[in-house]
């Protein structure tokens, strides 16, 4: 029987978890700021991993959209919804 998680998939999951953790400590942040943080920490910048972290995590929410120099930017926040 094959392994459930390939090494590549495990590393991608770790990267997505790092993004969520970084937002928890330093958020809210724009997508551009998240990319800068990945580069500053010498991590790979891969759009599908960033998308997975921002859209699939139950703790990451789109806070608002802002305009910077005529460009629309998403602002993401870490939030635990109490229900």
N, C-alpha and C. Protein backbone atom coordinates (compact mmCIF):
# COMPACT_ATOMS: atom_id res chain seq x y z
N UNK A 1 0.85 -1.17 0.00
CA UNK A 1 0.00 0.00 0.00
C UNK A 1 0.90 1.24 0.00
N UNK A 2 0.51 2.25 -0.76
CA UNK A 2 1.31 3.47 -0.87
C UNK A 2 1.18 4.35 0.35
N UNK A 3 2.11 5.27 0.47
CA UNK A 3 2.07 6.21 1.58
C UNK A 3 0.94 7.21 1.37
N UNK A 4 0.32 7.59 2.43
CA UNK A 4 -0.79 8.54 2.34
C UNK A 4 -0.30 9.93 1.96
N UNK A 5 0.79 10.37 2.54
CA UNK A 5 1.35 11.69 2.27
C UNK A 5 2.70 11.54 1.60
N UNK A 6 2.83 12.10 0.43
CA UNK A 6 4.14 12.11 -0.20
C UNK A 6 4.99 13.17 0.51
N UNK A 7 6.28 13.10 0.34
CA UNK A 7 7.17 14.08 0.96
C UNK A 7 6.84 15.49 0.48
N UNK A 8 6.56 15.63 -0.81
CA UNK A 8 6.23 16.94 -1.36
C UNK A 8 4.96 17.51 -0.73
N UNK A 9 3.96 16.67 -0.59
CA UNK A 9 2.70 17.13 -0.01
C UNK A 9 2.88 17.49 1.46
N UNK A 10 3.69 16.73 2.16
CA UNK A 10 3.97 17.02 3.57
C UNK A 10 4.66 18.39 3.70
N UNK A 11 5.62 18.66 2.83
CA UNK A 11 6.32 19.95 2.85
C UNK A 11 5.38 21.10 2.50
N UNK A 12 4.47 20.88 1.56
CA UNK A 12 3.50 21.91 1.21
C UNK A 12 2.58 22.21 2.38
N UNK A 13 2.19 21.18 3.10
CA UNK A 13 1.33 21.37 4.28
C UNK A 13 2.06 22.15 5.36
N UNK A 14 3.35 21.85 5.55
CA UNK A 14 4.14 22.58 6.53
C UNK A 14 4.24 24.06 6.14
N UNK A 15 4.41 24.32 4.85
CA UNK A 15 4.50 25.69 4.36
C UNK A 15 3.18 26.44 4.61
N UNK A 16 2.07 25.80 4.32
CA UNK A 16 0.76 26.42 4.56
C UNK A 16 0.56 26.67 6.05
N UNK A 17 0.95 25.73 6.88
CA UNK A 17 0.84 25.91 8.34
C UNK A 17 1.72 27.07 8.81
N UNK A 18 2.89 27.25 8.20
CA UNK A 18 3.78 28.36 8.56
C UNK A 18 3.08 29.69 8.25
N UNK A 19 2.42 29.78 7.10
CA UNK A 19 1.72 31.01 6.71
C UNK A 19 0.62 31.32 7.73
N UNK A 20 -0.16 30.32 8.12
CA UNK A 20 -1.23 30.52 9.10
C UNK A 20 -0.63 30.98 10.43
N UNK A 21 0.45 30.35 10.86
CA UNK A 21 1.10 30.75 12.11
C UNK A 21 1.66 32.16 12.05
N UNK A 22 2.23 32.52 10.92
CA UNK A 22 2.78 33.86 10.75
C UNK A 22 1.66 34.91 10.83
N UNK A 23 0.54 34.62 10.19
CA UNK A 23 -0.60 35.54 10.27
C UNK A 23 -1.13 35.64 11.70
N UNK A 24 -1.09 34.55 12.42
CA UNK A 24 -1.57 34.57 13.81
C UNK A 24 -0.73 35.53 14.65
N UNK A 25 0.58 35.51 14.45
CA UNK A 25 1.47 36.35 15.24
C UNK A 25 1.55 37.79 14.72
N UNK A 26 1.48 37.97 13.40
CA UNK A 26 1.80 39.26 12.79
C UNK A 26 0.67 39.92 12.03
N UNK A 27 -0.49 39.27 11.94
CA UNK A 27 -1.56 39.79 11.12
C UNK A 27 -2.32 40.90 11.77
N UNK A 28 -3.23 41.49 11.05
CA UNK A 28 -3.61 41.20 9.67
C UNK A 28 -2.57 41.72 8.68
N UNK A 29 -2.46 41.03 7.54
CA UNK A 29 -1.49 41.35 6.51
C UNK A 29 -2.13 41.24 5.13
N UNK A 30 -1.58 42.01 4.19
CA UNK A 30 -2.00 41.87 2.80
C UNK A 30 -1.30 40.66 2.21
N UNK A 31 -1.80 40.19 1.08
CA UNK A 31 -1.16 39.08 0.39
C UNK A 31 0.28 39.44 0.04
N UNK A 32 0.50 40.67 -0.38
CA UNK A 32 1.85 41.12 -0.73
C UNK A 32 2.78 41.05 0.49
N UNK A 33 2.29 41.43 1.66
CA UNK A 33 3.10 41.36 2.87
C UNK A 33 3.41 39.92 3.26
N UNK A 34 2.49 39.02 3.02
CA UNK A 34 2.74 37.60 3.28
C UNK A 34 3.85 37.09 2.38
N UNK A 35 3.80 37.46 1.11
CA UNK A 35 4.85 37.05 0.16
C UNK A 35 6.20 37.60 0.59
N UNK A 36 6.23 38.87 1.02
CA UNK A 36 7.48 39.47 1.49
C UNK A 36 8.02 38.72 2.71
N UNK A 37 7.13 38.32 3.62
CA UNK A 37 7.55 37.57 4.81
C UNK A 37 8.14 36.22 4.42
N UNK A 38 7.51 35.54 3.45
CA UNK A 38 8.05 34.27 2.98
C UNK A 38 9.47 34.46 2.45
N UNK A 39 9.67 35.49 1.66
CA UNK A 39 11.00 35.76 1.11
C UNK A 39 11.99 36.13 2.20
N UNK A 40 11.56 36.96 3.16
CA UNK A 40 12.44 37.36 4.26
C UNK A 40 12.90 36.17 5.09
N UNK A 41 12.04 35.17 5.20
CA UNK A 41 12.36 33.96 5.97
C UNK A 41 12.90 32.84 5.09
N UNK A 42 13.27 33.20 3.86
CA UNK A 42 13.87 32.26 2.90
C UNK A 42 13.02 31.02 2.69
N UNK A 43 11.72 31.25 2.52
CA UNK A 43 10.78 30.17 2.22
C UNK A 43 10.33 30.29 0.78
N UNK A 44 9.91 29.19 0.21
CA UNK A 44 9.43 29.19 -1.17
C UNK A 44 8.14 29.98 -1.28
N UNK A 45 8.01 30.73 -2.37
CA UNK A 45 6.78 31.47 -2.66
C UNK A 45 6.08 30.73 -3.78
N UNK A 46 5.04 29.98 -3.43
CA UNK A 46 4.28 29.21 -4.41
C UNK A 46 2.80 29.58 -4.24
N UNK A 47 2.23 30.05 -5.35
CA UNK A 47 0.86 30.58 -5.27
C UNK A 47 -0.15 29.56 -4.79
N UNK A 48 -0.03 28.30 -5.20
CA UNK A 48 -1.02 27.31 -4.79
C UNK A 48 -0.95 27.03 -3.29
N UNK A 49 0.23 27.16 -2.71
CA UNK A 49 0.36 26.94 -1.27
C UNK A 49 -0.21 28.14 -0.50
N UNK A 50 0.07 29.34 -1.00
CA UNK A 50 -0.47 30.54 -0.37
C UNK A 50 -2.00 30.51 -0.43
N UNK A 51 -2.53 30.15 -1.59
CA UNK A 51 -3.98 30.06 -1.75
C UNK A 51 -4.57 29.03 -0.79
N UNK A 52 -3.91 27.88 -0.68
CA UNK A 52 -4.40 26.84 0.24
C UNK A 52 -4.43 27.36 1.67
N UNK A 53 -3.38 28.05 2.08
CA UNK A 53 -3.32 28.56 3.46
C UNK A 53 -4.40 29.61 3.71
N UNK A 54 -4.61 30.50 2.74
CA UNK A 54 -5.54 31.62 2.95
C UNK A 54 -6.99 31.21 2.77
N UNK A 55 -7.27 30.34 1.86
CA UNK A 55 -8.67 30.02 1.54
C UNK A 55 -9.20 28.78 2.24
N UNK A 56 -8.33 27.85 2.59
CA UNK A 56 -8.82 26.59 3.16
C UNK A 56 -8.71 26.52 4.68
N UNK A 57 -7.91 27.40 5.28
CA UNK A 57 -7.78 27.35 6.73
C UNK A 57 -9.05 27.91 7.37
N UNK A 58 -9.52 27.23 8.39
CA UNK A 58 -10.71 27.69 9.10
C UNK A 58 -10.42 28.92 9.96
N UNK A 59 -9.15 29.25 10.15
CA UNK A 59 -8.77 30.36 11.01
C UNK A 59 -8.40 31.63 10.26
N UNK A 60 -8.25 31.56 8.95
CA UNK A 60 -7.87 32.72 8.16
C UNK A 60 -9.11 33.28 7.47
N UNK A 61 -9.31 34.58 7.62
CA UNK A 61 -10.49 35.24 7.06
C UNK A 61 -10.08 36.49 6.31
N UNK A 62 -10.80 36.77 5.25
CA UNK A 62 -10.61 38.00 4.52
C UNK A 62 -11.20 39.13 5.35
N UNK A 63 -10.34 40.02 5.81
CA UNK A 63 -10.80 41.11 6.67
C UNK A 63 -11.43 42.23 5.84
N UNK A 64 -10.73 42.62 4.77
CA UNK A 64 -11.23 43.69 3.90
C UNK A 64 -10.36 43.76 2.66
N UNK A 65 -10.79 44.57 1.73
CA UNK A 65 -9.99 44.88 0.55
C UNK A 65 -9.64 46.36 0.62
N UNK A 66 -8.38 46.67 0.29
CA UNK A 66 -7.94 48.05 0.32
C UNK A 66 -7.31 48.41 -1.02
N UNK A 67 -7.27 49.69 -1.31
CA UNK A 67 -6.62 50.19 -2.52
C UNK A 67 -5.26 50.77 -2.16
N UNK A 68 -4.23 50.30 -2.82
CA UNK A 68 -2.89 50.84 -2.67
C UNK A 68 -2.39 51.20 -4.06
N UNK A 69 -2.15 52.47 -4.28
CA UNK A 69 -1.69 52.96 -5.58
C UNK A 69 -2.57 52.48 -6.72
N UNK A 70 -3.87 52.49 -6.51
CA UNK A 70 -4.81 52.11 -7.55
C UNK A 70 -4.99 50.62 -7.74
N UNK A 71 -4.32 49.81 -6.91
CA UNK A 71 -4.46 48.35 -6.99
C UNK A 71 -5.23 47.85 -5.78
N UNK A 72 -6.10 46.88 -6.01
CA UNK A 72 -6.87 46.28 -4.92
C UNK A 72 -6.04 45.18 -4.24
N UNK A 73 -5.98 45.22 -2.91
CA UNK A 73 -5.24 44.24 -2.14
C UNK A 73 -6.15 43.64 -1.07
N UNK A 74 -6.03 42.34 -0.87
CA UNK A 74 -6.78 41.65 0.18
C UNK A 74 -6.00 41.72 1.48
N UNK A 75 -6.72 41.96 2.57
CA UNK A 75 -6.12 41.96 3.90
C UNK A 75 -6.66 40.74 4.64
N UNK A 76 -5.75 39.88 5.09
CA UNK A 76 -6.11 38.61 5.74
C UNK A 76 -5.83 38.69 7.22
N UNK A 77 -6.66 38.03 8.01
CA UNK A 77 -6.47 38.00 9.45
C UNK A 77 -6.67 36.59 10.00
N UNK A 78 -6.02 36.32 11.12
CA UNK A 78 -6.23 35.08 11.86
C UNK A 78 -7.33 35.36 12.86
N UNK A 79 -8.35 34.52 12.88
CA UNK A 79 -9.47 34.72 13.79
C UNK A 79 -10.07 33.37 14.15
N UNK A 80 -10.36 33.20 15.41
CA UNK A 80 -11.06 32.00 15.88
C UNK A 80 -12.49 32.43 16.18
N UNK A 81 -13.41 31.91 15.42
CA UNK A 81 -14.82 32.22 15.63
C UNK A 81 -15.37 31.35 16.73
N UNK A 82 -15.86 31.97 17.80
CA UNK A 82 -16.49 31.23 18.89
C UNK A 82 -17.95 30.98 18.54
N UNK A 83 -18.32 29.72 18.51
CA UNK A 83 -19.71 29.38 18.18
C UNK A 83 -20.29 28.45 19.20
